[in-house]
PDB file of N, CA and C in Angstrom:
ATOM      1  N   UNK A   1     170.619 191.868 228.932  1.00  0.00           N
ATOM      2  CA  UNK A   1     169.635 191.831 228.315  1.00  0.00           C
ATOM      3  C   UNK A   1     168.859 190.776 229.279  1.00  0.00           C
ATOM      4  N   UNK A   2     167.807 191.452 229.598  1.00  0.00           N
ATOM      5  CA  UNK A   2     166.777 190.512 230.709  1.00  0.00           C
ATOM      6  C   UNK A   2     166.280 189.277 229.598  1.00  0.00           C
ATOM      7  N   UNK A   3     165.830 188.446 230.406  1.00  0.00           N
ATOM      8  CA  UNK A   3     165.321 187.097 229.619  1.00  0.00           C
ATOM      9  C   UNK A   3     164.086 187.170 228.699  1.00  0.00           C
ATOM     10  N   UNK A   4     163.052 188.352 229.282  1.00  0.00           N
ATOM     11  CA  UNK A   4     162.182 188.729 228.456  1.00  0.00           C
ATOM     12  C   UNK A   4     162.458 189.338 227.389  1.00  0.00           C
ATOM     13  N   UNK A   5     163.356 190.453 227.536  1.00  0.00           N
ATOM     14  CA  UNK A   5     164.097 190.908 226.193  1.00  0.00           C
ATOM     15  C   UNK A   5     164.570 190.118 225.289  1.00  0.00           C
ATOM     16  N   UNK A   6     165.268 188.920 225.613  1.00  0.00           N
ATOM     17  CA  UNK A   6     165.968 188.131 224.901  1.00  0.00           C
ATOM     18  C   UNK A   6     164.716 187.383 224.132  1.00  0.00           C
ATOM     19  N   UNK A   7     163.780 186.868 224.741  1.00  0.00           N
ATOM     20  CA  UNK A   7     162.770 185.990 224.276  1.00  0.00           C
ATOM     21  C   UNK A   7     161.836 186.864 223.328  1.00  0.00           C
ATOM     22  N   UNK A   8     161.692 188.344 223.455  1.00  0.00           N
ATOM     23  CA  UNK A   8     161.273 189.266 222.520  1.00  0.00           C
ATOM     24  C   UNK A   8     161.732 189.224 221.235  1.00  0.00           C
ATOM     25  N   UNK A   9     163.291 189.422 221.290  1.00  0.00           N
ATOM     26  CA  UNK A   9     164.189 189.804 220.260  1.00  0.00           C
ATOM     27  C   UNK A   9     164.062 188.195 219.298  1.00  0.00           C
ATOM     28  N   UNK A  10     164.221 187.070 220.123  1.00  0.00           N
ATOM     29  CA  UNK A  10     164.076 186.067 219.381  1.00  0.00           C
ATOM     30  C   UNK A  10     162.938 185.789 218.546  1.00  0.00           C
ATOM     31  N   UNK A  11     161.916 186.200 219.442  1.00  0.00           N
ATOM     32  CA  UNK A  11     160.344 186.077 218.496  1.00  0.00           C
ATOM     33  C   UNK A  11     160.353 187.071 217.256  1.00  0.00           C
ATOM     34  N   UNK A  12     161.056 188.244 217.380  1.00  0.00           N
ATOM     35  CA  UNK A  12     160.994 189.101 216.274  1.00  0.00           C
ATOM     36  C   UNK A  12     161.974 188.672 215.173  1.00  0.00           C
ATOM     37  N   UNK A  13     163.124 187.909 215.380  1.00  0.00           N
ATOM     38  CA  UNK A  13     163.981 187.161 214.542  1.00  0.00           C
ATOM     39  C   UNK A  13     163.481 186.225 213.903  1.00  0.00           C
ATOM     40  N   UNK A  14     162.372 185.322 214.621  1.00  0.00           N
ATOM     41  CA  UNK A  14     161.814 184.411 213.935  1.00  0.00           C
ATOM     42  C   UNK A  14     160.625 184.869 213.171  1.00  0.00           C
ATOM     43  N   UNK A  15     159.915 185.744 213.471  1.00  0.00           N
ATOM     44  CA  UNK A  15     158.852 186.560 212.625  1.00  0.00           C
ATOM     45  C   UNK A  15     159.582 187.098 211.299  1.00  0.00           C
ATOM     46  N   UNK A  16     160.541 187.896 211.524  1.00  0.00           N
ATOM     47  CA  UNK A  16     161.162 188.421 210.401  1.00  0.00           C
ATOM     48  C   UNK A  16     161.882 187.250 209.543  1.00  0.00           C
ATOM     49  N   UNK A  17     162.340 186.373 209.861  1.00  0.00           N
ATOM     50  CA  UNK A  17     162.558 185.167 209.024  1.00  0.00           C
ATOM     51  C   UNK A  17     161.604 184.504 208.380  1.00  0.00           C
ATOM     52  N   UNK A  18     160.379 184.429 208.941  1.00  0.00           N
ATOM     53  CA  UNK A  18     159.143 184.005 208.316  1.00  0.00           C
ATOM     54  C   UNK A  18     158.667 184.868 207.031  1.00  0.00           C
ATOM     55  N   UNK A  19     158.747 186.188 207.516  1.00  0.00           N
ATOM     56  CA  UNK A  19     158.149 187.185 206.403  1.00  0.00           C
ATOM     57  C   UNK A  19     159.020 187.078 205.236  1.00  0.00           C
ATOM     58  N   UNK A  20     160.509 186.992 205.398  1.00  0.00           N
ATOM     59  CA  UNK A  20     161.353 186.827 204.253  1.00  0.00           C
ATOM     60  C   UNK A  20     161.195 185.873 203.431  1.00  0.00           C
ATOM     61  N   UNK A  21     160.931 184.527 203.958  1.00  0.00           N
ATOM     62  CA  UNK A  21     160.653 183.354 203.327  1.00  0.00           C
ATOM     63  C   UNK A  21     159.481 183.318 202.744  1.00  0.00           C
ATOM     64  N   UNK A  22     158.412 184.012 203.408  1.00  0.00           N
ATOM     65  CA  UNK A  22     157.281 183.814 202.530  1.00  0.00           C
ATOM     66  C   UNK A  22     157.372 184.845 201.346  1.00  0.00           C
ATOM     67  N   UNK A  23     157.825 185.799 201.728  1.00  0.00           N
ATOM     68  CA  UNK A  23     158.060 186.803 200.277  1.00  0.00           C
ATOM     69  C   UNK A  23     159.034 186.107 199.216  1.00  0.00           C
ATOM     70  N   UNK A  24     159.883 185.538 199.552  1.00  0.00           N
ATOM     71  CA  UNK A  24     160.810 184.786 198.668  1.00  0.00           C
ATOM     72  C   UNK A  24     160.210 183.872 197.715  1.00  0.00           C
ATOM     73  N   UNK A  25     159.539 183.180 198.579  1.00  0.00           N
ATOM     74  CA  UNK A  25     158.445 181.967 197.920  1.00  0.00           C
ATOM     75  C   UNK A  25     157.538 182.676 196.904  1.00  0.00           C
ATOM     76  N   UNK A  26     156.643 183.951 197.321  1.00  0.00           N
ATOM     77  CA  UNK A  26     155.966 184.566 196.816  1.00  0.00           C
ATOM     78  C   UNK A  26     156.349 185.113 195.267  1.00  0.00           C
ATOM     79  N   UNK A  27     157.638 185.522 195.334  1.00  0.00           N
ATOM     80  CA  UNK A  27     158.333 186.297 194.506  1.00  0.00           C
ATOM     81  C   UNK A  27     159.120 185.209 193.401  1.00  0.00           C
ATOM     82  N   UNK A  28     159.029 183.792 193.820  1.00  0.00           N
ATOM     83  CA  UNK A  28     159.652 182.700 193.249  1.00  0.00           C
ATOM     84  C   UNK A  28     161.127 182.636 193.219  1.00  0.00           C
ATOM     85  N   UNK A  29     161.975 183.195 194.544  1.00  0.00           N
ATOM     86  CA  UNK A  29     163.129 183.371 194.703  1.00  0.00           C
ATOM     87  C   UNK A  29     163.420 182.291 195.931  1.00  0.00           C
ATOM     88  N   UNK A  30     164.775 181.933 195.867  1.00  0.00           N
ATOM     89  CA  UNK A  30     165.121 181.151 197.209  1.00  0.00           C
ATOM     90  C   UNK A  30     165.275 179.582 196.920  1.00  0.00           C
ATOM     91  N   UNK A  31     165.289 179.181 195.761  1.00  0.00           N
ATOM     92  CA  UNK A  31     165.288 177.635 195.589  1.00  0.00           C
ATOM     93  C   UNK A  31     166.942 177.233 196.037  1.00  0.00           C
ATOM     94  N   UNK A  32     167.131 175.840 196.333  1.00  0.00           N
ATOM     95  CA  UNK A  32     168.380 175.222 196.606  1.00  0.00           C
ATOM     96  C   UNK A  32     169.077 175.289 195.152  1.00  0.00           C
ATOM     97  N   UNK A  33     170.564 175.859 195.052  1.00  0.00           N
ATOM     98  CA  UNK A  33     171.174 175.756 194.107  1.00  0.00           C
ATOM     99  C   UNK A  33     171.248 174.461 193.439  1.00  0.00           C
ATOM    100  N   UNK A  34     171.440 173.950 192.174  1.00  0.00           N
ATOM    101  CA  UNK A  34     171.624 172.746 191.723  1.00  0.00           C
ATOM    102  C   UNK A  34     173.304 172.606 191.099  1.00  0.00           C
ATOM    103  N   UNK A  35     173.718 171.342 191.511  1.00  0.00           N
ATOM    104  CA  UNK A  35     175.023 171.114 190.847  1.00  0.00           C
ATOM    105  C   UNK A  35     175.589 171.940 189.756  1.00  0.00           C
ATOM    106  N   UNK A  36     174.530 171.972 188.647  1.00  0.00           N
ATOM    107  CA  UNK A  36     174.851 172.658 187.467  1.00  0.00           C
ATOM    108  C   UNK A  36     174.981 174.189 187.627  1.00  0.00           C
ATOM    109  N   UNK A  37     174.330 174.890 188.668  1.00  0.00           N
ATOM    110  CA  UNK A  37     174.354 176.167 188.865  1.00  0.00           C
ATOM    111  C   UNK A  37     175.363 176.361 189.520  1.00  0.00           C
ATOM    112  N   UNK A  38     175.803 175.659 190.574  1.00  0.00           N
ATOM    113  CA  UNK A  38     177.142 175.772 191.217  1.00  0.00           C
ATOM    114  C   UNK A  38     178.292 175.800 190.298  1.00  0.00           C
ATOM    115  N   UNK A  39     178.140 174.826 189.526  1.00  0.00           N
ATOM    116  CA  UNK A  39     179.396 174.704 188.388  1.00  0.00           C
ATOM    117  C   UNK A  39     179.193 175.968 187.477  1.00  0.00           C
ATOM    118  N   UNK A  40     178.319 176.478 187.235  1.00  0.00           N
ATOM    119  CA  UNK A  40     178.231 177.872 186.419  1.00  0.00           C
ATOM    120  C   UNK A  40     178.993 179.046 186.883  1.00  0.00           C
ATOM    121  N   UNK A  41     178.821 179.118 188.331  1.00  0.00           N
ATOM    122  CA  UNK A  41     179.152 179.963 189.122  1.00  0.00           C
ATOM    123  C   UNK A  41     180.759 179.943 189.282  1.00  0.00           C
ATOM    124  N   UNK A  42     181.257 178.932 189.033  1.00  0.00           N
ATOM    125  CA  UNK A  42     182.831 178.880 188.934  1.00  0.00           C
ATOM    126  C   UNK A  42     183.358 178.201 190.334  1.00  0.00           C
ATOM    127  N   UNK A  43     182.957 178.926 191.377  1.00  0.00           N
ATOM    128  CA  UNK A  43     183.266 178.523 192.852  1.00  0.00           C
ATOM    129  C   UNK A  43     182.431 179.004 193.766  1.00  0.00           C
ATOM    130  N   UNK A  44     182.464 178.323 194.934  1.00  0.00           N
ATOM    131  CA  UNK A  44     181.822 178.961 196.067  1.00  0.00           C
ATOM    132  C   UNK A  44     182.249 179.224 197.278  1.00  0.00           C
ATOM    133  N   UNK A  45     182.393 180.331 197.485  1.00  0.00           N
ATOM    134  CA  UNK A  45     183.266 180.899 198.713  1.00  0.00           C
ATOM    135  C   UNK A  45     182.300 180.996 200.119  1.00  0.00           C
ATOM    136  N   UNK A  46     182.491 180.248 201.000  1.00  0.00           N
ATOM    137  CA  UNK A  46     181.641 180.176 202.260  1.00  0.00           C
ATOM    138  C   UNK A  46     182.086 181.229 203.329  1.00  0.00           C
ATOM    139  N   UNK A  47     181.220 181.647 204.166  1.00  0.00           N
ATOM    140  CA  UNK A  47     181.707 182.712 205.291  1.00  0.00           C
ATOM    141  C   UNK A  47     182.891 182.403 205.800  1.00  0.00           C
ATOM    142  N   UNK A  48     183.139 181.184 206.215  1.00  0.00           N
ATOM    143  CA  UNK A  48     184.636 180.920 206.766  1.00  0.00           C
ATOM    144  C   UNK A  48     185.690 181.176 206.105  1.00  0.00           C
ATOM    145  N   UNK A  49     185.756 181.406 204.541  1.00  0.00           N
ATOM    146  CA  UNK A  49     186.683 181.306 203.714  1.00  0.00           C
ATOM    147  C   UNK A  49     187.033 180.143 202.861  1.00  0.00           C
ATOM    148  N   UNK A  50     186.478 178.999 203.304  1.00  0.00           N
ATOM    149  CA  UNK A  50     186.578 177.653 202.473  1.00  0.00           C
ATOM    150  C   UNK A  50     186.102 178.214 201.045  1.00  0.00           C
ATOM    151  N   UNK A  51     186.591 177.618 200.233  1.00  0.00           N
ATOM    152  CA  UNK A  51     186.133 177.661 198.776  1.00  0.00           C
ATOM    153  C   UNK A  51     187.186 178.929 197.913  1.00  0.00           C
ATOM    154  N   UNK A  52     187.789 179.732 198.826  1.00  0.00           N
ATOM    155  CA  UNK A  52     188.727 180.802 198.231  1.00  0.00           C
ATOM    156  C   UNK A  52     189.775 180.289 197.334  1.00  0.00           C
ATOM    157  N   UNK A  53     190.300 180.457 196.313  1.00  0.00           N
ATOM    158  CA  UNK A  53     191.347 180.156 195.391  1.00  0.00           C
ATOM    159  C   UNK A  53     192.736 180.294 196.189  1.00  0.00           C
ATOM    160  N   UNK A  54     193.573 179.691 196.334  1.00  0.00           N
ATOM    161  CA  UNK A  54     194.789 179.562 196.713  1.00  0.00           C
ATOM    162  C   UNK A  54     195.382 180.925 196.362  1.00  0.00           C
ATOM    163  N   UNK A  55     196.595 181.610 197.093  1.00  0.00           N
ATOM    164  CA  UNK A  55     197.067 182.543 196.725  1.00  0.00           C
ATOM    165  C   UNK A  55     196.842 183.721 197.774  1.00  0.00           C
ATOM    166  N   UNK A  56     197.349 184.980 197.626  1.00  0.00           N
ATOM    167  CA  UNK A  56     197.196 186.093 198.283  1.00  0.00           C
ATOM    168  C   UNK A  56     196.682 187.174 197.277  1.00  0.00           C
ATOM    169  N   UNK A  57     196.203 188.356 197.941  1.00  0.00           N
ATOM    170  CA  UNK A  57     196.066 189.490 196.740  1.00  0.00           C
ATOM    171  C   UNK A  57     195.861 190.791 197.706  1.00  0.00           C
ATOM    172  N   UNK A  58     195.292 191.702 197.009  1.00  0.00           N
ATOM    173  CA  UNK A  58     195.114 193.081 197.993  1.00  0.00           C
ATOM    174  C   UNK A  58     193.550 193.356 197.892  1.00  0.00           C
ATOM    175  N   UNK A  59     193.074 194.443 198.459  1.00  0.00           N
ATOM    176  CA  UNK A  59     191.940 195.144 198.431  1.00  0.00           C
ATOM    177  C   UNK A  59     191.545 195.361 197.016  1.00  0.00           C
ATOM    178  N   UNK A  60     192.565 196.187 196.399  1.00  0.00           N
ATOM    179  CA  UNK A  60     192.336 196.620 195.322  1.00  0.00           C
ATOM    180  C   UNK A  60     192.012 195.440 193.932  1.00  0.00           C
ATOM    181  N   UNK A  61     192.845 194.460 194.180  1.00  0.00           N
ATOM    182  CA  UNK A  61     192.549 193.443 193.237  1.00  0.00           C
ATOM    183  C   UNK A  61     191.480 192.816 193.762  1.00  0.00           C
ATOM    184  N   UNK A  62     190.946 192.624 194.934  1.00  0.00           N
ATOM    185  CA  UNK A  62     189.738 191.712 195.273  1.00  0.00           C
ATOM    186  C   UNK A  62     188.432 192.780 194.917  1.00  0.00           C
ATOM    187  N   UNK A  63     188.551 194.155 194.618  1.00  0.00           N
ATOM    188  CA  UNK A  63     187.688 194.887 194.119  1.00  0.00           C
ATOM    189  C   UNK A  63     187.476 194.457 192.524  1.00  0.00           C
ATOM    190  N   UNK A  64     188.453 194.361 191.699  1.00  0.00           N
ATOM    191  CA  UNK A  64     188.346 193.929 190.486  1.00  0.00           C
ATOM    192  C   UNK A  64     187.610 192.621 190.314  1.00  0.00           C
ATOM    193  N   UNK A  65     187.738 191.550 191.272  1.00  0.00           N
ATOM    194  CA  UNK A  65     187.346 190.360 190.949  1.00  0.00           C
ATOM    195  C   UNK A  65     185.526 190.571 191.423  1.00  0.00           C
ATOM    196  N   UNK A  66     185.535 191.171 192.639  1.00  0.00           N
ATOM    197  CA  UNK A  66     184.446 191.416 192.830  1.00  0.00           C
ATOM    198  C   UNK A  66     183.418 192.121 191.635  1.00  0.00           C
ATOM    199  N   UNK A  67     183.946 193.225 191.157  1.00  0.00           N
ATOM    200  CA  UNK A  67     183.018 193.658 190.039  1.00  0.00           C
ATOM    201  C   UNK A  67     182.821 192.602 188.941  1.00  0.00           C
ATOM    202  N   UNK A  68     183.728 191.930 188.595  1.00  0.00           N
ATOM    203  CA  UNK A  68     183.709 190.659 187.610  1.00  0.00           C
ATOM    204  C   UNK A  68     182.692 189.754 187.903  1.00  0.00           C
ATOM    205  N   UNK A  69     182.671 189.077 189.288  1.00  0.00           N
ATOM    206  CA  UNK A  69     181.829 187.846 189.410  1.00  0.00           C
ATOM    207  C   UNK A  69     180.609 188.315 190.297  1.00  0.00           C
ATOM    208  N   UNK A  70     180.741 189.267 191.320  1.00  0.00           N
ATOM    209  CA  UNK A  70     179.804 189.521 192.424  1.00  0.00           C
ATOM    210  C   UNK A  70     178.636 190.627 191.993  1.00  0.00           C
ATOM    211  N   UNK A  71     179.273 191.757 191.183  1.00  0.00           N
ATOM    212  CA  UNK A  71     178.494 192.889 191.163  1.00  0.00           C
ATOM    213  C   UNK A  71     176.974 192.748 190.634  1.00  0.00           C
ATOM    214  N   UNK A  72     177.070 191.862 189.631  1.00  0.00           N
ATOM    215  CA  UNK A  72     175.630 191.823 188.817  1.00  0.00           C
ATOM    216  C   UNK A  72     174.626 191.403 189.877  1.00  0.00           C
ATOM    217  N   UNK A  73     174.726 190.702 191.135  1.00  0.00           N
ATOM    218  CA  UNK A  73     173.715 190.533 191.678  1.00  0.00           C
ATOM    219  C   UNK A  73     173.679 191.090 193.278  1.00  0.00           C
ATOM    220  N   UNK A  74     174.815 191.383 193.579  1.00  0.00           N
ATOM    221  CA  UNK A  74     175.084 192.093 194.845  1.00  0.00           C
ATOM    222  C   UNK A  74     175.424 193.754 194.823  1.00  0.00           C
ATOM    223  N   UNK A  75     175.246 194.053 193.859  1.00  0.00           N
ATOM    224  CA  UNK A  75     175.466 195.514 193.384  1.00  0.00           C
ATOM    225  C   UNK A  75     176.848 196.009 193.314  1.00  0.00           C
ATOM    226  N   UNK A  76     176.968 197.267 192.586  1.00  0.00           N
ATOM    227  CA  UNK A  76     178.280 197.737 192.501  1.00  0.00           C
ATOM    228  C   UNK A  76     179.391 197.749 193.515  1.00  0.00           C
ATOM    229  N   UNK A  77     178.684 198.188 194.589  1.00  0.00           N
ATOM    230  CA  UNK A  77     179.159 198.575 195.924  1.00  0.00           C
ATOM    231  C   UNK A  77     178.590 197.700 196.977  1.00  0.00           C
ATOM    232  N   UNK A  78     178.044 196.394 196.677  1.00  0.00           N
ATOM    233  CA  UNK A  78     177.500 195.658 197.476  1.00  0.00           C
ATOM    234  C   UNK A  78     176.412 196.124 198.375  1.00  0.00           C
ATOM    235  N   UNK A  79     175.577 196.996 197.740  1.00  0.00           N
ATOM    236  CA  UNK A  79     174.442 197.544 198.370  1.00  0.00           C
ATOM    237  C   UNK A  79     173.283 196.771 197.854  1.00  0.00           C
ATOM    238  N   UNK A  80     173.159 195.866 196.873  1.00  0.00           N
ATOM    239  CA  UNK A  80     172.349 194.889 196.666  1.00  0.00           C
ATOM    240  C   UNK A  80     171.034 195.525 195.898  1.00  0.00           C
ATOM    241  N   UNK A  81     171.180 196.533 195.269  1.00  0.00           N
ATOM    242  CA  UNK A  81     170.279 197.499 194.517  1.00  0.00           C
ATOM    243  C   UNK A  81     169.977 197.137 193.197  1.00  0.00           C
ATOM    244  N   UNK A  82     170.570 196.296 192.465  1.00  0.00           N
ATOM    245  CA  UNK A  82     170.775 195.762 191.184  1.00  0.00           C
ATOM    246  C   UNK A  82     170.012 194.572 191.071  1.00  0.00           C
ATOM    247  N   UNK A  83     170.446 193.469 190.568  1.00  0.00           N
ATOM    248  CA  UNK A  83     169.563 192.276 190.240  1.00  0.00           C
ATOM    249  C   UNK A  83     169.173 191.752 191.553  1.00  0.00           C
ATOM    250  N   UNK A  84     169.747 191.865 192.529  1.00  0.00           N
ATOM    251  CA  UNK A  84     169.479 191.428 193.866  1.00  0.00           C
ATOM    252  C   UNK A  84     167.797 191.920 194.256  1.00  0.00           C
ATOM    253  N   UNK A  85     167.634 193.168 193.786  1.00  0.00           N
ATOM    254  CA  UNK A  85     166.331 193.824 194.214  1.00  0.00           C
ATOM    255  C   UNK A  85     165.321 193.301 193.285  1.00  0.00           C
ATOM    256  N   UNK A  86     165.423 192.809 192.199  1.00  0.00           N
ATOM    257  CA  UNK A  86     164.347 192.468 191.204  1.00  0.00           C
ATOM    258  C   UNK A  86     163.825 191.261 191.862  1.00  0.00           C
TER     259      UNK A  86
END
């Protein structure tokens, strides 16, 4: 990728981020979670895996956990078209 292409890509990413932030603010979304909200969620899992419960599992077992704890906001199949779309 040329330097110019890289700069254009970076500018587009920044513009898209600003547009998303503005839309989230307009819709009343996107506040920092409070300690109470985090407690109500039960646990927080980070992208690097921190926060996962100890133990092992299978994809089939994980699907059941996802359906119980995640699908309400992220969609039944992680498509995000249910509560997240609202």
